[in-house]
PDB file of N, CA and C in Angstrom:
ATOM      1  N   UNK A   1     145.333 137.245  53.441  1.00  0.00           N
ATOM      2  CA  UNK A   1     143.976 137.171  53.988  1.00  0.00           C
ATOM      3  C   UNK A   1     142.985 136.693  52.928  1.00  0.00           C
ATOM      4  N   UNK A   2     143.070 137.293  51.752  1.00  0.00           N
ATOM      5  CA  UNK A   2     142.149 136.936  50.671  1.00  0.00           C
ATOM      6  C   UNK A   2     142.348 135.485  50.259  1.00  0.00           C
ATOM      7  N   UNK A   3     143.610 135.032  50.270  1.00  0.00           N
ATOM      8  CA  UNK A   3     143.907 133.642  49.902  1.00  0.00           C
ATOM      9  C   UNK A   3     143.253 132.683  50.897  1.00  0.00           C
ATOM     10  N   UNK A   4     143.349 133.016  52.176  1.00  0.00           N
ATOM     11  CA  UNK A   4     142.748 132.175  53.220  1.00  0.00           C
ATOM     12  C   UNK A   4     141.227 132.107  53.020  1.00  0.00           C
ATOM     13  N   UNK A   5     140.632 133.256  52.753  1.00  0.00           N
ATOM     14  CA  UNK A   5     139.190 133.292  52.526  1.00  0.00           C
ATOM     15  C   UNK A   5     138.833 132.425  51.330  1.00  0.00           C
ATOM     16  N   UNK A   6     139.663 132.495  50.289  1.00  0.00           N
ATOM     17  CA  UNK A   6     139.381 131.710  49.071  1.00  0.00           C
ATOM     18  C   UNK A   6     139.458 130.215  49.366  1.00  0.00           C
ATOM     19  N   UNK A   7     140.477 129.824  50.144  1.00  0.00           N
ATOM     20  CA  UNK A   7     140.642 128.402  50.475  1.00  0.00           C
ATOM     21  C   UNK A   7     139.424 127.920  51.273  1.00  0.00           C
ATOM     22  N   UNK A   8     139.042 128.680  52.277  1.00  0.00           N
ATOM     23  CA  UNK A   8     137.883 128.302  53.106  1.00  0.00           C
ATOM     24  C   UNK A   8     136.628 128.223  52.248  1.00  0.00           C
ATOM     25  N   UNK A   9     136.430 129.213  51.364  1.00  0.00           N
ATOM     26  CA  UNK A   9     135.251 129.233  50.513  1.00  0.00           C
ATOM     27  C   UNK A   9     135.233 128.032  49.578  1.00  0.00           C
ATOM     28  N   UNK A  10     136.375 127.734  48.947  1.00  0.00           N
ATOM     29  CA  UNK A  10     136.425 126.605  48.002  1.00  0.00           C
ATOM     30  C   UNK A  10     136.154 125.287  48.735  1.00  0.00           C
ATOM     31  N   UNK A  11     136.724 125.145  49.926  1.00  0.00           N
ATOM     32  CA  UNK A  11     136.509 123.890  50.685  1.00  0.00           C
ATOM     33  C   UNK A  11     135.042 123.748  51.071  1.00  0.00           C
ATOM     34  N   UNK A  12     134.458 124.815  51.584  1.00  0.00           N
ATOM     35  CA  UNK A  12     133.036 124.766  51.995  1.00  0.00           C
ATOM     36  C   UNK A  12     132.168 124.509  50.762  1.00  0.00           C
ATOM     37  N   UNK A  13     132.539 125.080  49.628  1.00  0.00           N
ATOM     38  CA  UNK A  13     131.759 124.884  48.381  1.00  0.00           C
ATOM     39  C   UNK A  13     131.837 123.426  47.959  1.00  0.00           C
ATOM     40  N   UNK A  14     133.036 122.834  48.044  1.00  0.00           N
ATOM     41  CA  UNK A  14     133.197 121.420  47.690  1.00  0.00           C
ATOM     42  C   UNK A  14     132.326 120.543  48.614  1.00  0.00           C
ATOM     43  N   UNK A  15     132.334 120.861  49.894  1.00  0.00           N
ATOM     44  CA  UNK A  15     131.554 120.106  50.874  1.00  0.00           C
ATOM     45  C   UNK A  15     130.065 120.209  50.517  1.00  0.00           C
ATOM     46  N   UNK A  16     129.614 121.419  50.228  1.00  0.00           N
ATOM     47  CA  UNK A  16     128.212 121.617  49.853  1.00  0.00           C
ATOM     48  C   UNK A  16     127.869 120.829  48.586  1.00  0.00           C
ATOM     49  N   UNK A  17     128.781 120.832  47.610  1.00  0.00           N
ATOM     50  CA  UNK A  17     128.559 120.087  46.379  1.00  0.00           C
ATOM     51  C   UNK A  17     128.419 118.603  46.669  1.00  0.00           C
ATOM     52  N   UNK A  18     129.293 118.077  47.540  1.00  0.00           N
ATOM     53  CA  UNK A  18     129.226 116.647  47.903  1.00  0.00           C
ATOM     54  C   UNK A  18     127.887 116.323  48.535  1.00  0.00           C
ATOM     55  N   UNK A  19     127.476 117.132  49.498  1.00  0.00           N
ATOM     56  CA  UNK A  19     126.197 116.893  50.194  1.00  0.00           C
ATOM     57  C   UNK A  19     125.035 116.984  49.185  1.00  0.00           C
ATOM     58  N   UNK A  20     125.087 118.011  48.329  1.00  0.00           N
ATOM     59  CA  UNK A  20     124.005 118.182  47.356  1.00  0.00           C
ATOM     60  C   UNK A  20     123.965 116.993  46.385  1.00  0.00           C
ATOM     61  N   UNK A  21     125.132 116.548  45.941  1.00  0.00           N
ATOM     62  CA  UNK A  21     125.172 115.405  45.011  1.00  0.00           C
ATOM     63  C   UNK A  21     124.625 114.162  45.670  1.00  0.00           C
ATOM     64  N   UNK A  22     125.025 113.906  46.909  1.00  0.00           N
ATOM     65  CA  UNK A  22     124.531 112.717  47.639  1.00  0.00           C
ATOM     66  C   UNK A  22     123.010 112.795  47.764  1.00  0.00           C
ATOM     67  N   UNK A  23     122.508 113.970  48.147  1.00  0.00           N
ATOM     68  CA  UNK A  23     121.067 114.124  48.300  1.00  0.00           C
ATOM     69  C   UNK A  23     120.359 113.958  46.953  1.00  0.00           C
ATOM     70  N   UNK A  24     120.928 114.544  45.894  1.00  0.00           N
ATOM     71  CA  UNK A  24     120.313 114.481  44.579  1.00  0.00           C
ATOM     72  C   UNK A  24     120.326 113.047  44.068  1.00  0.00           C
ATOM     73  N   UNK A  25     121.435 112.337  44.240  1.00  0.00           N
ATOM     74  CA  UNK A  25     121.528 110.938  43.810  1.00  0.00           C
ATOM     75  C   UNK A  25     120.484 110.103  44.550  1.00  0.00           C
ATOM     76  N   UNK A  26     120.381 110.331  45.861  1.00  0.00           N
ATOM     77  CA  UNK A  26     119.424 109.564  46.665  1.00  0.00           C
ATOM     78  C   UNK A  26     118.004 109.821  46.176  1.00  0.00           C
ATOM     79  N   UNK A  27     117.636 111.078  45.983  1.00  0.00           N
ATOM     80  CA  UNK A  27     116.292 111.415  45.526  1.00  0.00           C
ATOM     81  C   UNK A  27     116.045 110.869  44.125  1.00  0.00           C
ATOM     82  N   UNK A  28     117.044 110.934  43.263  1.00  0.00           N
ATOM     83  CA  UNK A  28     116.898 110.412  41.893  1.00  0.00           C
ATOM     84  C   UNK A  28     116.706 108.907  41.932  1.00  0.00           C
ATOM     85  N   UNK A  29     117.464 108.200  42.779  1.00  0.00           N
ATOM     86  CA  UNK A  29     117.328 106.750  42.894  1.00  0.00           C
ATOM     87  C   UNK A  29     115.938 106.377  43.374  1.00  0.00           C
ATOM     88  N   UNK A  30     115.447 107.074  44.392  1.00  0.00           N
ATOM     89  CA  UNK A  30     114.132 106.746  44.943  1.00  0.00           C
ATOM     90  C   UNK A  30     113.062 107.023  43.874  1.00  0.00           C
ATOM     91  N   UNK A  31     113.194 108.132  43.150  1.00  0.00           N
ATOM     92  CA  UNK A  31     112.244 108.451  42.103  1.00  0.00           C
ATOM     93  C   UNK A  31     112.269 107.388  41.021  1.00  0.00           C
ATOM     94  N   UNK A  32     113.468 106.999  40.604  1.00  0.00           N
ATOM     95  CA  UNK A  32     113.607 105.958  39.556  1.00  0.00           C
ATOM     96  C   UNK A  32     113.016 104.636  40.029  1.00  0.00           C
ATOM     97  N   UNK A  33     113.307 104.272  41.258  1.00  0.00           N
ATOM     98  CA  UNK A  33     112.787 103.009  41.807  1.00  0.00           C
ATOM     99  C   UNK A  33     111.270 103.029  41.878  1.00  0.00           C
ATOM    100  N   UNK A  34     110.694 104.143  42.291  1.00  0.00           N
ATOM    101  CA  UNK A  34     109.250 104.233  42.392  1.00  0.00           C
ATOM    102  C   UNK A  34     108.623 104.128  41.001  1.00  0.00           C
ATOM    103  N   UNK A  35     109.248 104.758  39.995  1.00  0.00           N
ATOM    104  CA  UNK A  35     108.740 104.688  38.618  1.00  0.00           C
ATOM    105  C   UNK A  35     108.791 103.236  38.144  1.00  0.00           C
ATOM    106  N   UNK A  36     109.927 102.550  38.394  1.00  0.00           N
ATOM    107  CA  UNK A  36     110.082 101.171  37.968  1.00  0.00           C
ATOM    108  C   UNK A  36     109.034 100.298  38.654  1.00  0.00           C
ATOM    109  N   UNK A  37     108.801 100.531  39.931  1.00  0.00           N
ATOM    110  CA  UNK A  37     107.820  99.735  40.670  1.00  0.00           C
ATOM    111  C   UNK A  37     106.418  99.929  40.053  1.00  0.00           C
ATOM    112  N   UNK A  38     106.059 101.158  39.780  1.00  0.00           N
ATOM    113  CA  UNK A  38     104.720 101.404  39.212  1.00  0.00           C
ATOM    114  C   UNK A  38     104.624 100.757  37.828  1.00  0.00           C
ATOM    115  N   UNK A  39     105.686 100.826  37.035  1.00  0.00           N
ATOM    116  CA  UNK A  39     105.685 100.199  35.712  1.00  0.00           C
ATOM    117  C   UNK A  39     105.531  98.691  35.857  1.00  0.00           C
ATOM    118  N   UNK A  40     106.282  98.097  36.780  1.00  0.00           N
ATOM    119  CA  UNK A  40     106.197  96.646  36.987  1.00  0.00           C
ATOM    120  C   UNK A  40     104.801  96.265  37.455  1.00  0.00           C
ATOM    121  N   UNK A  41     104.250  97.023  38.399  1.00  0.00           N
ATOM    122  CA  UNK A  41     102.915  96.739  38.910  1.00  0.00           C
ATOM    123  C   UNK A  41     101.891  96.839  37.766  1.00  0.00           C
ATOM    124  N   UNK A  42     102.024  97.862  36.949  1.00  0.00           N
ATOM    125  CA  UNK A  42     101.110  98.045  35.825  1.00  0.00           C
ATOM    126  C   UNK A  42     101.242  96.871  34.869  1.00  0.00           C
ATOM    127  N   UNK A  43     102.481  96.449  34.630  1.00  0.00           N
ATOM    128  CA  UNK A  43     102.716  95.325  33.722  1.00  0.00           C
ATOM    129  C   UNK A  43     102.089  94.059  34.278  1.00  0.00           C
ATOM    130  N   UNK A  44     102.254  93.837  35.581  1.00  0.00           N
ATOM    131  CA  UNK A  44     101.679  92.624  36.203  1.00  0.00           C
ATOM    132  C   UNK A  44     100.147  92.683  36.135  1.00  0.00           C
ATOM    133  N   UNK A  45      99.587  93.879  36.424  1.00  0.00           N
ATOM    134  CA  UNK A  45      98.130  94.019  36.418  1.00  0.00           C
ATOM    135  C   UNK A  45      97.567  93.803  35.022  1.00  0.00           C
ATOM    136  N   UNK A  46      98.224  94.363  34.005  1.00  0.00           N
ATOM    137  CA  UNK A  46      97.737  94.253  32.627  1.00  0.00           C
ATOM    138  C   UNK A  46      98.233  92.953  32.011  1.00  0.00           C
TER     139      UNK A  46
END
């Protein structure tokens, strides 16, 4: 019984990690892109 619980827990944890990583990567990319855009715009303006 404990082994089954462990397997279910580890699988659900892996799934949560995948979702969290995807969300984190997406947010990091958008943040990076927005920073690059503002830098480019500032460079063009100046």
